[in-house]
């Protein structure tokens, strides 16, 4: 018998300042448990977990330098933890899973018992005109959405059906998986950016402010084969092009923004 109905798996590095809000959101929307792979953070993630959440969090020390650290962490989760939960979502700290009408995620997923994987479309947020990091939560600071999608989707998966996990979708090895959208329709991967998102969505705060974007570029990615493109900031925030140029976009890894 599964101990949890719904869990979330996260790999993170040096993003501790965002964890409390992210944890509060996903535990508040019904996740039973969260597994966090700490990919060598300077300040260990375990020390940044608020005490009130600790019984619902498993932190795995995972200081991997592999070019595929993210998917390898997911495979480690499958090998060691999939028996503990019925459903699992693989998310990042800038991704907030949201049931549109506010239904508890465990109750929401009862409608999808006949599928193995639910593909959830992204809703992308830009910097909302912000160059500097401000006080407050990510969800309150950034409210402007854009149609451009950096990443089209992530997946909620039946844990016991998983053999191997990609960044966004399971990789099938020996079994067929029933993969569907929120309306239980067939997912056409050549057109996945057009998934419906009237029932469930992932709010994607990809850039945050420009200052936070520079830090994101410094951190890099646990998937070295998919490096972050620094040009995404201006694609999502074209109105800030002049301000960014004045700050020195070409020196993005050394730029310090005054007043912060």
C-alpha atoms as a PDB file:
ATOM      1  CA  UNK A   1       0.000   0.000   0.000  1.00  0.00           C
ATOM      2  CA  UNK A   2       1.301   3.450  -0.912  1.00  0.00           C
ATOM      3  CA  UNK A   3       2.177   5.773   1.947  1.00  0.00           C
ATOM      4  CA  UNK A   4       1.444   8.940  -0.055  1.00  0.00           C
ATOM      5  CA  UNK A   5      -1.133   9.828  -2.690  1.00  0.00           C
ATOM      6  CA  UNK A   6       0.834  12.688  -4.256  1.00  0.00           C
ATOM      7  CA  UNK A   7       4.504  13.654  -4.036  1.00  0.00           C
ATOM      8  CA  UNK A   8       6.848  16.122  -5.724  1.00  0.00           C
ATOM      9  CA  UNK A   9      10.490  15.545  -6.665  1.00  0.00           C
ATOM     10  CA  UNK A  10      12.875  18.501  -6.983  1.00  0.00           C
ATOM     11  CA  UNK A  11      16.570  18.892  -7.750  1.00  0.00           C
ATOM     12  CA  UNK A  12      18.046  22.233  -6.720  1.00  0.00           C
ATOM     13  CA  UNK A  13      21.316  24.046  -6.164  1.00  0.00           C
ATOM     14  CA  UNK A  14      21.844  27.356  -4.354  1.00  0.00           C
ATOM     15  CA  UNK A  15      18.177  28.350  -4.559  1.00  0.00           C
ATOM     16  CA  UNK A  16      17.491  28.186  -0.831  1.00  0.00           C
ATOM     17  CA  UNK A  17      15.877  31.638  -0.697  1.00  0.00           C
ATOM     18  CA  UNK A  18      13.011  30.360  -2.848  1.00  0.00           C
ATOM     19  CA  UNK A  19      12.382  27.106  -1.008  1.00  0.00           C
ATOM     20  CA  UNK A  20      10.032  28.196   1.777  1.00  0.00           C
ATOM     21  CA  UNK A  21       7.501  29.735  -0.608  1.00  0.00           C
ATOM     22  CA  UNK A  22       7.767  26.814  -3.020  1.00  0.00           C
ATOM     23  CA  UNK A  23       7.331  24.244  -0.252  1.00  0.00           C
ATOM     24  CA  UNK A  24       4.423  26.120   1.330  1.00  0.00           C
ATOM     25  CA  UNK A  25       2.648  26.283  -2.021  1.00  0.00           C
ATOM     26  CA  UNK A  26       2.948  22.616  -2.944  1.00  0.00           C
ATOM     27  CA  UNK A  27       2.257  21.276   0.527  1.00  0.00           C
ATOM     28  CA  UNK A  28      -0.664  23.686   0.770  1.00  0.00           C
ATOM     29  CA  UNK A  29      -2.195  22.495  -2.500  1.00  0.00           C
ATOM     30  CA  UNK A  30      -2.217  18.914  -1.261  1.00  0.00           C
ATOM     31  CA  UNK A  31       1.161  17.268  -1.829  1.00  0.00           C
ATOM     32  CA  UNK A  32       1.760  14.695   0.888  1.00  0.00           C
ATOM     33  CA  UNK A  33       5.540  14.630   0.603  1.00  0.00           C
ATOM     34  CA  UNK A  34       8.395  16.369  -1.199  1.00  0.00           C
ATOM     35  CA  UNK A  35      11.744  14.819  -2.116  1.00  0.00           C
ATOM     36  CA  UNK A  36      14.563  17.330  -2.607  1.00  0.00           C
ATOM     37  CA  UNK A  37      17.858  16.433  -4.273  1.00  0.00           C
ATOM     38  CA  UNK A  38      20.491  18.910  -3.106  1.00  0.00           C
ATOM     39  CA  UNK A  39      22.932  19.176  -6.008  1.00  0.00           C
ATOM     40  CA  UNK A  40      25.839  20.551  -3.958  1.00  0.00           C
ATOM     41  CA  UNK A  41      24.385  23.799  -2.601  1.00  0.00           C
ATOM     42  CA  UNK A  42      26.902  26.010  -0.777  1.00  0.00           C
ATOM     43  CA  UNK A  43      24.397  26.272   2.072  1.00  0.00           C
ATOM     44  CA  UNK A  44      22.961  22.766   2.465  1.00  0.00           C
ATOM     45  CA  UNK A  45      19.266  22.589   1.644  1.00  0.00           C
ATOM     46  CA  UNK A  46      18.510  20.578   4.779  1.00  0.00           C
ATOM     47  CA  UNK A  47      19.333  23.618   6.893  1.00  0.00           C
ATOM     48  CA  UNK A  48      16.869  25.793   4.970  1.00  0.00           C
ATOM     49  CA  UNK A  49      13.768  23.653   5.516  1.00  0.00           C
ATOM     50  CA  UNK A  50      11.386  25.322   7.996  1.00  0.00           C
ATOM     51  CA  UNK A  51      10.866  23.083  11.019  1.00  0.00           C
ATOM     52  CA  UNK A  52       7.108  22.917  10.455  1.00  0.00           C
ATOM     53  CA  UNK A  53       7.675  21.128   7.119  1.00  0.00           C
ATOM     54  CA  UNK A  54      10.520  18.771   7.997  1.00  0.00           C
ATOM     55  CA  UNK A  55       8.396  15.672   8.604  1.00  0.00           C
ATOM     56  CA  UNK A  56       7.014  16.023   5.078  1.00  0.00           C
ATOM     57  CA  UNK A  57      10.356  16.543   3.335  1.00  0.00           C
ATOM     58  CA  UNK A  58      13.088  14.079   2.390  1.00  0.00           C
ATOM     59  CA  UNK A  59      16.397  15.733   1.448  1.00  0.00           C
ATOM     60  CA  UNK A  60      18.883  13.630  -0.522  1.00  0.00           C
ATOM     61  CA  UNK A  61      22.461  14.918  -0.673  1.00  0.00           C
ATOM     62  CA  UNK A  62      23.310  14.648  -4.372  1.00  0.00           C
ATOM     63  CA  UNK A  63      26.463  16.653  -5.244  1.00  0.00           C
ATOM     64  CA  UNK A  64      26.799  15.242  -8.734  1.00  0.00           C
ATOM     65  CA  UNK A  65      28.965  16.888 -11.413  1.00  0.00           C
ATOM     66  CA  UNK A  66      27.485  14.680 -14.112  1.00  0.00           C
ATOM     67  CA  UNK A  67      26.305  16.309 -17.320  1.00  0.00           C
ATOM     68  CA  UNK A  68      22.961  14.587 -16.707  1.00  0.00           C
ATOM     69  CA  UNK A  69      22.589  15.185 -12.972  1.00  0.00           C
ATOM     70  CA  UNK A  70      18.912  16.109 -13.200  1.00  0.00           C
ATOM     71  CA  UNK A  71      17.670  13.018 -14.990  1.00  0.00           C
ATOM     72  CA  UNK A  72      20.053  10.828 -13.011  1.00  0.00           C
ATOM     73  CA  UNK A  73      18.538  12.202  -9.806  1.00  0.00           C
ATOM     74  CA  UNK A  74      15.091  11.373 -11.159  1.00  0.00           C
ATOM     75  CA  UNK A  75      16.224   7.829 -11.917  1.00  0.00           C
ATOM     76  CA  UNK A  76      17.643   7.563  -8.400  1.00  0.00           C
ATOM     77  CA  UNK A  77      14.225   8.595  -7.074  1.00  0.00           C
ATOM     78  CA  UNK A  78      12.522   5.934  -9.195  1.00  0.00           C
ATOM     79  CA  UNK A  79      14.885   3.249  -7.930  1.00  0.00           C
ATOM     80  CA  UNK A  80      14.557   4.223  -4.259  1.00  0.00           C
ATOM     81  CA  UNK A  81      11.254   5.967  -3.598  1.00  0.00           C
ATOM     82  CA  UNK A  82       8.620   5.194  -6.220  1.00  0.00           C
ATOM     83  CA  UNK A  83       7.031   2.560  -3.979  1.00  0.00           C
ATOM     84  CA  UNK A  84       6.212   5.258  -1.403  1.00  0.00           C
ATOM     85  CA  UNK A  85       3.729   7.261  -3.459  1.00  0.00           C
ATOM     86  CA  UNK A  86       0.948   6.875  -6.007  1.00  0.00           C
ATOM     87  CA  UNK A  87       1.539  10.028  -8.083  1.00  0.00           C
ATOM     88  CA  UNK A  88       4.698  12.100  -8.497  1.00  0.00           C
ATOM     89  CA  UNK A  89       5.417  15.414 -10.233  1.00  0.00           C
ATOM     90  CA  UNK A  90       8.997  16.342 -11.192  1.00  0.00           C
ATOM     91  CA  UNK A  91       9.333  20.129 -10.851  1.00  0.00           C
ATOM     92  CA  UNK A  92      11.898  22.940 -10.474  1.00  0.00           C
ATOM     93  CA  UNK A  93      11.912  25.808  -7.951  1.00  0.00           C
ATOM     94  CA  UNK A  94      10.602  28.273 -10.551  1.00  0.00           C
ATOM     95  CA  UNK A  95       7.626  26.003 -11.337  1.00  0.00           C
ATOM     96  CA  UNK A  96       4.409  26.068  -9.304  1.00  0.00           C
ATOM     97  CA  UNK A  97       1.831  23.378 -10.042  1.00  0.00           C
ATOM     98  CA  UNK A  98      -1.706  24.806  -9.762  1.00  0.00           C
ATOM     99  CA  UNK A  99      -5.173  23.296 -10.030  1.00  0.00           C
ATOM    100  CA  UNK A 100      -7.124  26.158 -11.587  1.00  0.00           C
ATOM    101  CA  UNK A 101     -10.243  25.897  -9.407  1.00  0.00           C
ATOM    102  CA  UNK A 102      -8.240  25.308  -6.224  1.00  0.00           C
ATOM    103  CA  UNK A 103      -9.184  21.673  -5.754  1.00  0.00           C
ATOM    104  CA  UNK A 104      -6.781  19.649  -3.604  1.00  0.00           C
ATOM    105  CA  UNK A 105      -4.331  17.937  -5.983  1.00  0.00           C
ATOM    106  CA  UNK A 106      -5.021  14.509  -4.460  1.00  0.00           C
ATOM    107  CA  UNK A 107      -8.738  14.901  -5.094  1.00  0.00           C
ATOM    108  CA  UNK A 108      -8.078  16.298  -8.575  1.00  0.00           C
ATOM    109  CA  UNK A 109      -5.986  13.296  -9.595  1.00  0.00           C
ATOM    110  CA  UNK A 110      -8.793  10.863  -8.752  1.00  0.00           C
ATOM    111  CA  UNK A 111     -10.235  11.729 -12.164  1.00  0.00           C
ATOM    112  CA  UNK A 112      -7.120  10.348 -13.878  1.00  0.00           C
ATOM    113  CA  UNK A 113      -6.969   6.834 -12.443  1.00  0.00           C
ATOM    114  CA  UNK A 114      -7.191   5.366 -15.952  1.00  0.00           C
ATOM    115  CA  UNK A 115      -4.028   7.069 -17.264  1.00  0.00           C
ATOM    116  CA  UNK A 116      -0.330   6.748 -16.391  1.00  0.00           C
ATOM    117  CA  UNK A 117       0.970  10.229 -17.177  1.00  0.00           C
ATOM    118  CA  UNK A 118      -0.774  13.609 -17.141  1.00  0.00           C
ATOM    119  CA  UNK A 119       0.998  16.252 -19.241  1.00  0.00           C
ATOM    120  CA  UNK A 120       0.557  19.725 -17.732  1.00  0.00           C
ATOM    121  CA  UNK A 121       1.134  22.845 -19.813  1.00  0.00           C
ATOM    122  CA  UNK A 122       3.159  25.824 -18.627  1.00  0.00           C
ATOM    123  CA  UNK A 123       2.003  29.408 -18.157  1.00  0.00           C
ATOM    124  CA  UNK A 124       5.063  31.666 -18.401  1.00  0.00           C
ATOM    125  CA  UNK A 125       5.605  34.798 -16.304  1.00  0.00           C
ATOM    126  CA  UNK A 126       8.150  37.503 -17.112  1.00  0.00           C
ATOM    127  CA  UNK A 127       9.995  39.980 -14.863  1.00  0.00           C
ATOM    128  CA  UNK A 128       6.984  42.304 -14.552  1.00  0.00           C
ATOM    129  CA  UNK A 129       9.302  45.233 -15.336  1.00  0.00           C
ATOM    130  CA  UNK A 130      11.664  44.476 -12.444  1.00  0.00           C
ATOM    131  CA  UNK A 131      15.430  44.801 -12.712  1.00  0.00           C
ATOM    132  CA  UNK A 132      16.217  44.328  -9.029  1.00  0.00           C
ATOM    133  CA  UNK A 133      15.168  41.684  -6.544  1.00  0.00           C
ATOM    134  CA  UNK A 134      12.492  43.001  -4.204  1.00  0.00           C
ATOM    135  CA  UNK A 135      11.020  41.830  -0.936  1.00  0.00           C
ATOM    136  CA  UNK A 136       8.051  39.503  -1.126  1.00  0.00           C
ATOM    137  CA  UNK A 137       7.157  36.170  -2.624  1.00  0.00           C
ATOM    138  CA  UNK A 138       7.703  35.195  -6.237  1.00  0.00           C
ATOM    139  CA  UNK A 139       3.991  34.712  -6.841  1.00  0.00           C
ATOM    140  CA  UNK A 140       3.173  38.217  -5.625  1.00  0.00           C
ATOM    141  CA  UNK A 141       6.131  39.953  -7.261  1.00  0.00           C
ATOM    142  CA  UNK A 142       5.609  38.608 -10.772  1.00  0.00           C
ATOM    143  CA  UNK A 143       2.125  38.756 -12.253  1.00  0.00           C
ATOM    144  CA  UNK A 144       2.593  39.448 -15.971  1.00  0.00           C
ATOM    145  CA  UNK A 145       2.226  36.465 -18.280  1.00  0.00           C
ATOM    146  CA  UNK A 146       3.524  36.005 -21.806  1.00  0.00           C
ATOM    147  CA  UNK A 147       2.455  33.650 -24.570  1.00  0.00           C
ATOM    148  CA  UNK A 148       6.021  32.592 -25.324  1.00  0.00           C
ATOM    149  CA  UNK A 149       6.816  29.276 -23.625  1.00  0.00           C
ATOM    150  CA  UNK A 150      10.385  28.421 -22.688  1.00  0.00           C
ATOM    151  CA  UNK A 151       9.312  24.911 -21.736  1.00  0.00           C
ATOM    152  CA  UNK A 152       5.990  23.502 -22.955  1.00  0.00           C
ATOM    153  CA  UNK A 153       5.099  21.037 -20.209  1.00  0.00           C
ATOM    154  CA  UNK A 154       6.015  18.750 -17.310  1.00  0.00           C
ATOM    155  CA  UNK A 155       4.422  15.462 -16.252  1.00  0.00           C
ATOM    156  CA  UNK A 156       2.539  14.020 -13.305  1.00  0.00           C
ATOM    157  CA  UNK A 157       3.230  10.284 -13.303  1.00  0.00           C
ATOM    158  CA  UNK A 158       1.978   7.117 -11.664  1.00  0.00           C
ATOM    159  CA  UNK A 159       5.107   6.270  -9.725  1.00  0.00           C
ATOM    160  CA  UNK A 160       4.897   2.495  -9.990  1.00  0.00           C
ATOM    161  CA  UNK A 161       4.718   2.723 -13.782  1.00  0.00           C
ATOM    162  CA  UNK A 162       8.015   4.585 -14.089  1.00  0.00           C
ATOM    163  CA  UNK A 163      11.186   2.959 -15.355  1.00  0.00           C
ATOM    164  CA  UNK A 164      13.212   6.015 -16.396  1.00  0.00           C
ATOM    165  CA  UNK A 165      12.457   9.734 -16.372  1.00  0.00           C
ATOM    166  CA  UNK A 166      13.399  12.432 -18.851  1.00  0.00           C
ATOM    167  CA  UNK A 167      13.353  16.125 -17.994  1.00  0.00           C
ATOM    168  CA  UNK A 168       9.668  16.475 -18.888  1.00  0.00           C
ATOM    169  CA  UNK A 169       8.254  13.052 -19.778  1.00  0.00           C
ATOM    170  CA  UNK A 170       8.923   9.431 -18.767  1.00  0.00           C
ATOM    171  CA  UNK A 171      11.104   7.301 -21.020  1.00  0.00           C
ATOM    172  CA  UNK A 172       9.466   3.969 -21.773  1.00  0.00           C
ATOM    173  CA  UNK A 173      11.714   0.929 -21.845  1.00  0.00           C
ATOM    174  CA  UNK A 174       9.632  -2.234 -21.559  1.00  0.00           C
ATOM    175  CA  UNK A 175       6.075  -1.034 -21.014  1.00  0.00           C
ATOM    176  CA  UNK A 176       3.520   1.119 -22.793  1.00  0.00           C
ATOM    177  CA  UNK A 177       2.313   4.185 -20.907  1.00  0.00           C
ATOM    178  CA  UNK A 178      -1.001   5.925 -21.371  1.00  0.00           C
ATOM    179  CA  UNK A 179      -0.081   9.613 -21.629  1.00  0.00           C
ATOM    180  CA  UNK A 180      -2.889  12.169 -21.770  1.00  0.00           C
ATOM    181  CA  UNK A 181      -3.752  15.852 -21.412  1.00  0.00           C
ATOM    182  CA  UNK A 182      -6.136  17.272 -18.794  1.00  0.00           C
ATOM    183  CA  UNK A 183      -9.130  16.270 -20.942  1.00  0.00           C
ATOM    184  CA  UNK A 184      -7.755  12.731 -21.254  1.00  0.00           C
ATOM    185  CA  UNK A 185      -7.044  13.361 -24.904  1.00  0.00           C
ATOM    186  CA  UNK A 186      -4.097  11.936 -26.806  1.00  0.00           C
ATOM    187  CA  UNK A 187      -0.937  14.006 -26.440  1.00  0.00           C
ATOM    188  CA  UNK A 188       0.581  14.892 -29.791  1.00  0.00           C
ATOM    189  CA  UNK A 189       4.179  15.681 -28.899  1.00  0.00           C
ATOM    190  CA  UNK A 190       4.802  17.543 -32.145  1.00  0.00           C
ATOM    191  CA  UNK A 191       2.203  20.089 -30.960  1.00  0.00           C
ATOM    192  CA  UNK A 192       2.596  19.863 -27.196  1.00  0.00           C
ATOM    193  CA  UNK A 193       2.815  23.624 -26.766  1.00  0.00           C
ATOM    194  CA  UNK A 194      -0.921  23.727 -27.470  1.00  0.00           C
ATOM    195  CA  UNK A 195      -1.971  21.502 -24.567  1.00  0.00           C
ATOM    196  CA  UNK A 196      -5.156  22.688 -22.835  1.00  0.00           C
ATOM    197  CA  UNK A 197      -4.672  24.375 -19.450  1.00  0.00           C
ATOM    198  CA  UNK A 198      -8.176  25.160 -18.234  1.00  0.00           C
ATOM    199  CA  UNK A 199      -8.025  22.653 -15.343  1.00  0.00           C
ATOM    200  CA  UNK A 200      -4.398  22.411 -14.294  1.00  0.00           C
ATOM    201  CA  UNK A 201      -1.305  24.450 -15.129  1.00  0.00           C
ATOM    202  CA  UNK A 202       2.305  24.990 -14.109  1.00  0.00           C
ATOM    203  CA  UNK A 203       3.053  28.660 -13.397  1.00  0.00           C
ATOM    204  CA  UNK A 204       6.597  29.165 -14.684  1.00  0.00           C
ATOM    205  CA  UNK A 205       8.594  32.064 -13.225  1.00  0.00           C
ATOM    206  CA  UNK A 206      11.507  31.551 -15.566  1.00  0.00           C
ATOM    207  CA  UNK A 207      13.346  34.867 -15.354  1.00  0.00           C
ATOM    208  CA  UNK A 208      12.130  36.556 -12.167  1.00  0.00           C
ATOM    209  CA  UNK A 209      13.932  39.955 -12.020  1.00  0.00           C
ATOM    210  CA  UNK A 210      17.002  40.759 -14.094  1.00  0.00           C
ATOM    211  CA  UNK A 211      19.209  40.555 -11.004  1.00  0.00           C
ATOM    212  CA  UNK A 212      17.843  37.097 -10.261  1.00  0.00           C
ATOM    213  CA  UNK A 213      18.273  36.118 -13.899  1.00  0.00           C
ATOM    214  CA  UNK A 214      21.996  36.909 -13.696  1.00  0.00           C
ATOM    215  CA  UNK A 215      22.262  34.647 -10.676  1.00  0.00           C
ATOM    216  CA  UNK A 216      20.404  31.918 -12.539  1.00  0.00           C
ATOM    217  CA  UNK A 217      22.879  32.109 -15.394  1.00  0.00           C
ATOM    218  CA  UNK A 218      25.737  31.798 -12.905  1.00  0.00           C
ATOM    219  CA  UNK A 219      24.229  28.673 -11.358  1.00  0.00           C
ATOM    220  CA  UNK A 220      23.875  26.974 -14.709  1.00  0.00           C
ATOM    221  CA  UNK A 221      21.847  23.814 -15.110  1.00  0.00           C
ATOM    222  CA  UNK A 222      22.128  20.202 -13.895  1.00  0.00           C
ATOM    223  CA  UNK A 223      21.574  19.154 -17.511  1.00  0.00           C
ATOM    224  CA  UNK A 224      24.738  20.340 -19.267  1.00  0.00           C
ATOM    225  CA  UNK A 225      23.384  19.234 -22.637  1.00  0.00           C
ATOM    226  CA  UNK A 226      20.627  21.850 -22.235  1.00  0.00           C
ATOM    227  CA  UNK A 227      22.446  25.031 -21.197  1.00  0.00           C
ATOM    228  CA  UNK A 228      20.347  28.056 -20.272  1.00  0.00           C
ATOM    229  CA  UNK A 229      20.163  30.574 -23.105  1.00  0.00           C
ATOM    230  CA  UNK A 230      20.909  34.065 -21.688  1.00  0.00           C
ATOM    231  CA  UNK A 231      18.862  35.593 -24.506  1.00  0.00           C
ATOM    232  CA  UNK A 232      15.622  34.341 -22.987  1.00  0.00           C
ATOM    233  CA  UNK A 233      15.451  37.310 -20.618  1.00  0.00           C
ATOM    234  CA  UNK A 234      15.005  39.815 -23.414  1.00  0.00           C
ATOM    235  CA  UNK A 235      12.692  37.531 -25.358  1.00  0.00           C
ATOM    236  CA  UNK A 236      10.357  37.449 -22.368  1.00  0.00           C
ATOM    237  CA  UNK A 237      11.011  41.070 -21.364  1.00  0.00           C
ATOM    238  CA  UNK A 238      11.579  43.104 -24.554  1.00  0.00           C
ATOM    239  CA  UNK A 239      10.468  46.325 -22.846  1.00  0.00           C
ATOM    240  CA  UNK A 240      13.558  46.096 -20.608  1.00  0.00           C
ATOM    241  CA  UNK A 241      16.066  45.907 -23.468  1.00  0.00           C
ATOM    242  CA  UNK A 242      17.314  49.488 -23.057  1.00  0.00           C
ATOM    243  CA  UNK A 243      17.630  49.210 -19.273  1.00  0.00           C
ATOM    244  CA  UNK A 244      19.444  45.878 -19.558  1.00  0.00           C
ATOM    245  CA  UNK A 245      21.834  47.301 -22.174  1.00  0.00           C
ATOM    246  CA  UNK A 246      22.706  50.161 -19.828  1.00  0.00           C
ATOM    247  CA  UNK A 247      23.534  47.637 -17.101  1.00  0.00           C
ATOM    248  CA  UNK A 248      25.776  45.646 -19.441  1.00  0.00           C
ATOM    249  CA  UNK A 249      24.042  42.488 -20.654  1.00  0.00           C
ATOM    250  CA  UNK A 250      27.263  41.439 -22.333  1.00  0.00           C
ATOM    251  CA  UNK A 251      28.926  41.307 -18.913  1.00  0.00           C
ATOM    252  CA  UNK A 252      25.986  39.439 -17.363  1.00  0.00           C
ATOM    253  CA  UNK A 253      28.095  37.113 -15.237  1.00  0.00           C
ATOM    254  CA  UNK A 254      29.971  40.003 -13.591  1.00  0.00           C
ATOM    255  CA  UNK A 255      27.291  42.680 -13.497  1.00  0.00           C
ATOM    256  CA  UNK A 256      26.267  43.883 -10.050  1.00  0.00           C
ATOM    257  CA  UNK A 257      23.106  45.911  -9.786  1.00  0.00           C
ATOM    258  CA  UNK A 258      23.396  48.732  -7.285  1.00  0.00           C
ATOM    259  CA  UNK A 259      20.981  49.153  -4.437  1.00  0.00           C
ATOM    260  CA  UNK A 260      20.594  45.466  -3.615  1.00  0.00           C
END
